[in-house]
C-alpha cells in the first residue's frame, strides 16, 4: 500500500509561522509520523489521532493540535494550533 501524500494548505502555513521553534520541531516530527499511523486504527490512540467533526485531529504534545482532512487518499493539513484555535477554524470553515 502506498503512503498518502501530505498536502500543506495555506492556512496551515500561516498558523505554523506563529509557532515557536520548539513547537515547529514537534509539529514536523508529528507530520513525519502521520503517514505511518494513518489507516492503522490500533495505533491511532497512541498517536493522538481522533475524529474532530469532518476533520481528523492529531495531538502534538499537551496543547498543540494539527487538523487535517483526507481527500483522494491524501492528507491535507488544514491548520495547527491550540484547542481554541482548532475549534475556531472548524467553526469558520465548516
N, C-alpha and C. Protein backbone atom coordinates (compact mmCIF):
# COMPACT_ATOMS: atom_id res chain seq x y z
N UNK A 1 0.85 -1.19 0.00
CA UNK A 1 0.00 0.00 0.00
C UNK A 1 0.89 1.25 0.00
N UNK A 2 0.56 2.17 -0.85
CA UNK A 2 1.33 3.40 -1.00
C UNK A 2 1.00 4.37 0.13
N UNK A 3 2.01 5.06 0.62
CA UNK A 3 1.80 6.06 1.67
C UNK A 3 1.04 7.25 1.10
N UNK A 4 0.17 7.85 1.92
CA UNK A 4 -0.55 9.03 1.44
C UNK A 4 0.39 10.22 1.25
N UNK A 5 0.03 11.09 0.34
CA UNK A 5 0.77 12.32 0.12
C UNK A 5 0.28 13.35 1.13
N UNK A 6 1.18 14.11 1.71
CA UNK A 6 0.80 15.17 2.64
C UNK A 6 0.77 16.49 1.88
N UNK A 7 -0.40 17.13 1.91
CA UNK A 7 -0.61 18.41 1.23
C UNK A 7 -0.73 19.48 2.30
N UNK A 8 0.08 20.51 2.22
CA UNK A 8 0.06 21.60 3.19
C UNK A 8 -0.76 22.75 2.60
N UNK A 9 -1.86 23.05 3.26
CA UNK A 9 -2.71 24.14 2.80
C UNK A 9 -2.21 25.48 3.32
N UNK A 10 -2.56 26.59 2.63
CA UNK A 10 -2.08 27.92 3.04
C UNK A 10 -2.42 28.28 4.49
N UNK A 11 -3.61 27.93 4.97
CA UNK A 11 -3.99 28.26 6.35
C UNK A 11 -3.06 27.57 7.35
N UNK A 12 -2.64 26.34 7.02
CA UNK A 12 -1.70 25.63 7.89
C UNK A 12 -0.36 26.36 7.92
N UNK A 13 0.12 26.78 6.75
CA UNK A 13 1.39 27.51 6.68
C UNK A 13 1.34 28.80 7.50
N UNK A 14 0.23 29.53 7.39
CA UNK A 14 0.09 30.78 8.15
C UNK A 14 0.11 30.52 9.65
N UNK A 15 -0.63 29.50 10.08
CA UNK A 15 -0.69 29.18 11.50
C UNK A 15 0.66 28.68 12.01
N UNK A 16 1.36 27.90 11.21
CA UNK A 16 2.65 27.35 11.62
C UNK A 16 3.70 28.44 11.79
N UNK A 17 3.59 29.53 11.03
CA UNK A 17 4.56 30.63 11.15
C UNK A 17 4.52 31.28 12.52
N UNK A 18 3.38 31.18 13.21
CA UNK A 18 3.22 31.80 14.53
C UNK A 18 3.77 30.92 15.66
N UNK A 19 4.20 29.71 15.37
CA UNK A 19 4.68 28.79 16.41
C UNK A 19 6.13 29.09 16.77
N UNK A 20 6.50 28.68 17.97
CA UNK A 20 7.89 28.79 18.40
C UNK A 20 8.72 27.73 17.67
N UNK A 21 10.04 27.87 17.70
CA UNK A 21 10.92 26.89 17.06
C UNK A 21 10.68 25.50 17.63
N UNK A 22 10.53 25.37 18.96
CA UNK A 22 10.28 24.06 19.58
C UNK A 22 8.95 23.47 19.11
N UNK A 23 7.93 24.32 19.02
CA UNK A 23 6.63 23.85 18.54
C UNK A 23 6.72 23.40 17.08
N UNK A 24 7.43 24.17 16.25
CA UNK A 24 7.59 23.79 14.84
C UNK A 24 8.31 22.45 14.73
N UNK A 25 9.32 22.24 15.54
CA UNK A 25 10.04 20.96 15.51
C UNK A 25 9.11 19.81 15.90
N UNK A 26 8.28 20.02 16.92
CA UNK A 26 7.33 18.98 17.35
C UNK A 26 6.29 18.71 16.27
N UNK A 27 5.81 19.76 15.62
CA UNK A 27 4.83 19.60 14.54
C UNK A 27 5.45 18.84 13.38
N UNK A 28 6.68 19.20 13.00
CA UNK A 28 7.35 18.49 11.90
C UNK A 28 7.52 17.01 12.22
N UNK A 29 7.89 16.69 13.44
CA UNK A 29 8.06 15.29 13.84
C UNK A 29 6.73 14.55 13.78
N UNK A 30 5.65 15.20 14.22
CA UNK A 30 4.33 14.56 14.19
C UNK A 30 3.86 14.34 12.75
N UNK A 31 4.11 15.31 11.89
CA UNK A 31 3.71 15.18 10.47
C UNK A 31 4.49 14.05 9.81
N UNK A 32 5.75 13.90 10.16
CA UNK A 32 6.55 12.80 9.60
C UNK A 32 6.01 11.44 10.02
N UNK A 33 5.48 11.33 11.24
CA UNK A 33 4.92 10.06 11.73
C UNK A 33 3.53 9.78 11.18
N UNK A 34 2.83 10.81 10.75
CA UNK A 34 1.42 10.69 10.36
C UNK A 34 1.16 9.61 9.30
N UNK A 35 1.88 9.57 8.19
CA UNK A 35 1.57 8.54 7.19
C UNK A 35 1.72 7.10 7.72
N UNK A 36 2.63 6.90 8.64
CA UNK A 36 2.85 5.55 9.19
C UNK A 36 1.70 5.09 10.07
N UNK A 37 1.06 6.01 10.80
CA UNK A 37 -0.01 5.61 11.71
C UNK A 37 -1.39 5.75 11.10
N UNK A 38 -1.54 6.61 10.09
CA UNK A 38 -2.85 6.81 9.50
C UNK A 38 -3.29 5.53 8.79
N UNK A 39 -4.52 5.13 9.04
CA UNK A 39 -5.04 3.92 8.42
C UNK A 39 -4.75 2.67 9.23
N UNK A 40 -4.16 2.84 10.40
CA UNK A 40 -3.89 1.73 11.31
C UNK A 40 -4.57 2.07 12.64
N UNK A 41 -5.87 1.78 12.77
CA UNK A 41 -6.65 2.25 13.92
C UNK A 41 -6.07 1.87 15.28
N UNK A 42 -5.41 0.72 15.38
CA UNK A 42 -4.86 0.34 16.68
C UNK A 42 -3.72 1.26 17.11
N UNK A 43 -3.15 2.02 16.19
CA UNK A 43 -2.09 2.96 16.53
C UNK A 43 -2.62 4.38 16.74
N UNK A 44 -3.87 4.63 16.36
CA UNK A 44 -4.40 5.99 16.42
C UNK A 44 -4.39 6.57 17.84
N UNK A 45 -4.83 5.78 18.82
CA UNK A 45 -4.92 6.34 20.16
C UNK A 45 -3.55 6.69 20.70
N UNK A 46 -2.55 5.88 20.44
CA UNK A 46 -1.20 6.16 20.90
C UNK A 46 -0.59 7.36 20.20
N UNK A 47 -1.03 7.61 18.98
CA UNK A 47 -0.51 8.73 18.20
C UNK A 47 -1.30 10.01 18.46
N UNK A 48 -2.41 9.91 19.22
CA UNK A 48 -3.23 11.08 19.49
C UNK A 48 -4.06 11.48 18.29
N UNK A 49 -4.47 10.51 17.50
CA UNK A 49 -5.26 10.76 16.29
C UNK A 49 -6.71 10.43 16.58
N UNK A 50 -7.59 11.41 16.29
CA UNK A 50 -9.02 11.16 16.53
C UNK A 50 -9.88 12.06 15.65
N UNK A 51 -11.14 11.65 15.44
CA UNK A 51 -12.05 12.48 14.63
C UNK A 51 -12.38 13.79 15.34
N UNK A 52 -12.56 14.84 14.55
CA UNK A 52 -12.95 16.15 15.07
C UNK A 52 -13.90 16.73 14.04
N UNK A 53 -15.18 16.40 14.15
CA UNK A 53 -16.15 16.78 13.13
C UNK A 53 -15.82 16.06 11.84
N UNK A 54 -15.78 16.79 10.72
CA UNK A 54 -15.43 16.15 9.45
C UNK A 54 -13.93 16.04 9.27
N UNK A 55 -13.18 16.60 10.20
CA UNK A 55 -11.72 16.59 10.17
C UNK A 55 -11.18 15.47 11.04
N UNK A 56 -9.86 15.33 11.00
CA UNK A 56 -9.14 14.49 11.94
C UNK A 56 -8.16 15.39 12.67
N UNK A 57 -7.94 15.07 13.93
CA UNK A 57 -7.06 15.87 14.77
C UNK A 57 -5.89 15.00 15.22
N UNK A 58 -4.71 15.54 15.14
CA UNK A 58 -3.50 14.88 15.61
C UNK A 58 -2.92 15.74 16.72
N UNK A 59 -2.84 15.19 17.92
CA UNK A 59 -2.27 15.95 19.03
C UNK A 59 -0.76 15.96 18.92
N UNK A 60 -0.21 17.13 19.20
CA UNK A 60 1.24 17.32 19.21
C UNK A 60 1.56 17.85 20.60
N UNK A 61 1.91 17.01 21.52
CA UNK A 61 2.14 17.44 22.89
C UNK A 61 0.84 17.75 23.60
N UNK A 62 0.94 18.51 24.69
CA UNK A 62 -0.24 18.76 25.51
C UNK A 62 -1.19 19.79 24.94
N UNK A 63 -0.67 20.87 24.35
CA UNK A 63 -1.57 21.93 23.95
C UNK A 63 -1.64 22.24 22.48
N UNK A 64 -1.01 21.44 21.66
CA UNK A 64 -0.93 21.74 20.24
C UNK A 64 -1.59 20.63 19.42
N UNK A 65 -2.35 21.04 18.39
CA UNK A 65 -3.07 20.08 17.56
C UNK A 65 -2.92 20.44 16.09
N UNK A 66 -2.90 19.39 15.27
CA UNK A 66 -2.90 19.54 13.81
C UNK A 66 -4.26 19.07 13.33
N UNK A 67 -4.92 19.85 12.51
CA UNK A 67 -6.21 19.48 11.95
C UNK A 67 -6.01 19.19 10.48
N UNK A 68 -6.52 18.03 10.03
CA UNK A 68 -6.35 17.66 8.63
C UNK A 68 -7.56 16.93 8.09
N UNK A 69 -7.64 16.86 6.77
CA UNK A 69 -8.69 16.14 6.05
C UNK A 69 -8.05 15.08 5.18
N UNK A 70 -8.81 14.05 4.87
CA UNK A 70 -8.36 13.08 3.88
C UNK A 70 -9.18 13.32 2.61
N UNK A 71 -8.47 13.47 1.51
CA UNK A 71 -9.13 13.68 0.21
C UNK A 71 -8.38 12.89 -0.84
N UNK A 72 -9.07 11.97 -1.47
CA UNK A 72 -8.46 11.17 -2.52
C UNK A 72 -7.27 10.36 -2.05
N UNK A 73 -7.28 9.96 -0.79
CA UNK A 73 -6.18 9.18 -0.25
C UNK A 73 -5.02 10.02 0.26
N UNK A 74 -5.09 11.34 0.06
CA UNK A 74 -4.04 12.23 0.53
C UNK A 74 -4.46 12.88 1.84
N UNK A 75 -3.48 13.36 2.58
CA UNK A 75 -3.72 14.02 3.86
C UNK A 75 -3.47 15.52 3.70
N UNK A 76 -4.53 16.31 3.86
CA UNK A 76 -4.46 17.75 3.68
C UNK A 76 -4.37 18.42 5.05
N UNK A 77 -3.22 19.00 5.37
CA UNK A 77 -3.03 19.70 6.63
C UNK A 77 -3.74 21.04 6.54
N UNK A 78 -4.72 21.26 7.42
CA UNK A 78 -5.57 22.46 7.35
C UNK A 78 -5.10 23.58 8.26
N UNK A 79 -4.81 23.24 9.52
CA UNK A 79 -4.35 24.26 10.47
C UNK A 79 -3.61 23.58 11.60
N UNK A 80 -2.95 24.39 12.40
CA UNK A 80 -2.25 23.92 13.58
C UNK A 80 -2.41 24.98 14.65
N UNK A 81 -2.60 24.55 15.90
CA UNK A 81 -2.73 25.50 17.00
C UNK A 81 -3.25 24.81 18.24
N UNK A 82 -3.62 25.62 19.23
CA UNK A 82 -4.17 25.05 20.45
C UNK A 82 -5.64 24.66 20.21
N UNK A 83 -6.25 24.12 21.24
CA UNK A 83 -7.62 23.63 21.13
C UNK A 83 -8.57 24.73 20.65
N UNK A 84 -8.43 25.92 21.21
CA UNK A 84 -9.32 27.03 20.83
C UNK A 84 -9.13 27.44 19.37
N UNK A 85 -7.89 27.46 18.91
CA UNK A 85 -7.62 27.82 17.51
C UNK A 85 -8.20 26.79 16.55
N UNK A 86 -8.11 25.52 16.92
CA UNK A 86 -8.65 24.45 16.09
C UNK A 86 -10.17 24.54 16.05
N UNK A 87 -10.78 24.78 17.19
CA UNK A 87 -12.25 24.94 17.23
C UNK A 87 -12.70 26.13 16.40
N UNK A 88 -11.98 27.23 16.48
CA UNK A 88 -12.33 28.42 15.69
C UNK A 88 -12.20 28.13 14.20
N UNK A 89 -11.17 27.39 13.80
CA UNK A 89 -11.00 27.04 12.40
C UNK A 89 -12.20 26.22 11.91
N UNK A 90 -12.59 25.23 12.70
CA UNK A 90 -13.74 24.37 12.32
C UNK A 90 -15.01 25.20 12.23
N UNK A 91 -15.21 26.10 13.18
CA UNK A 91 -16.41 26.95 13.18
C UNK A 91 -16.47 27.81 11.93
N UNK A 92 -15.33 28.33 11.51
CA UNK A 92 -15.28 29.24 10.36
C UNK A 92 -15.18 28.53 9.01
N UNK A 93 -14.83 27.26 9.02
CA UNK A 93 -14.61 26.54 7.75
C UNK A 93 -15.47 25.29 7.63
N UNK A 94 -16.48 25.16 8.47
CA UNK A 94 -17.39 24.03 8.37
C UNK A 94 -16.76 22.79 8.78
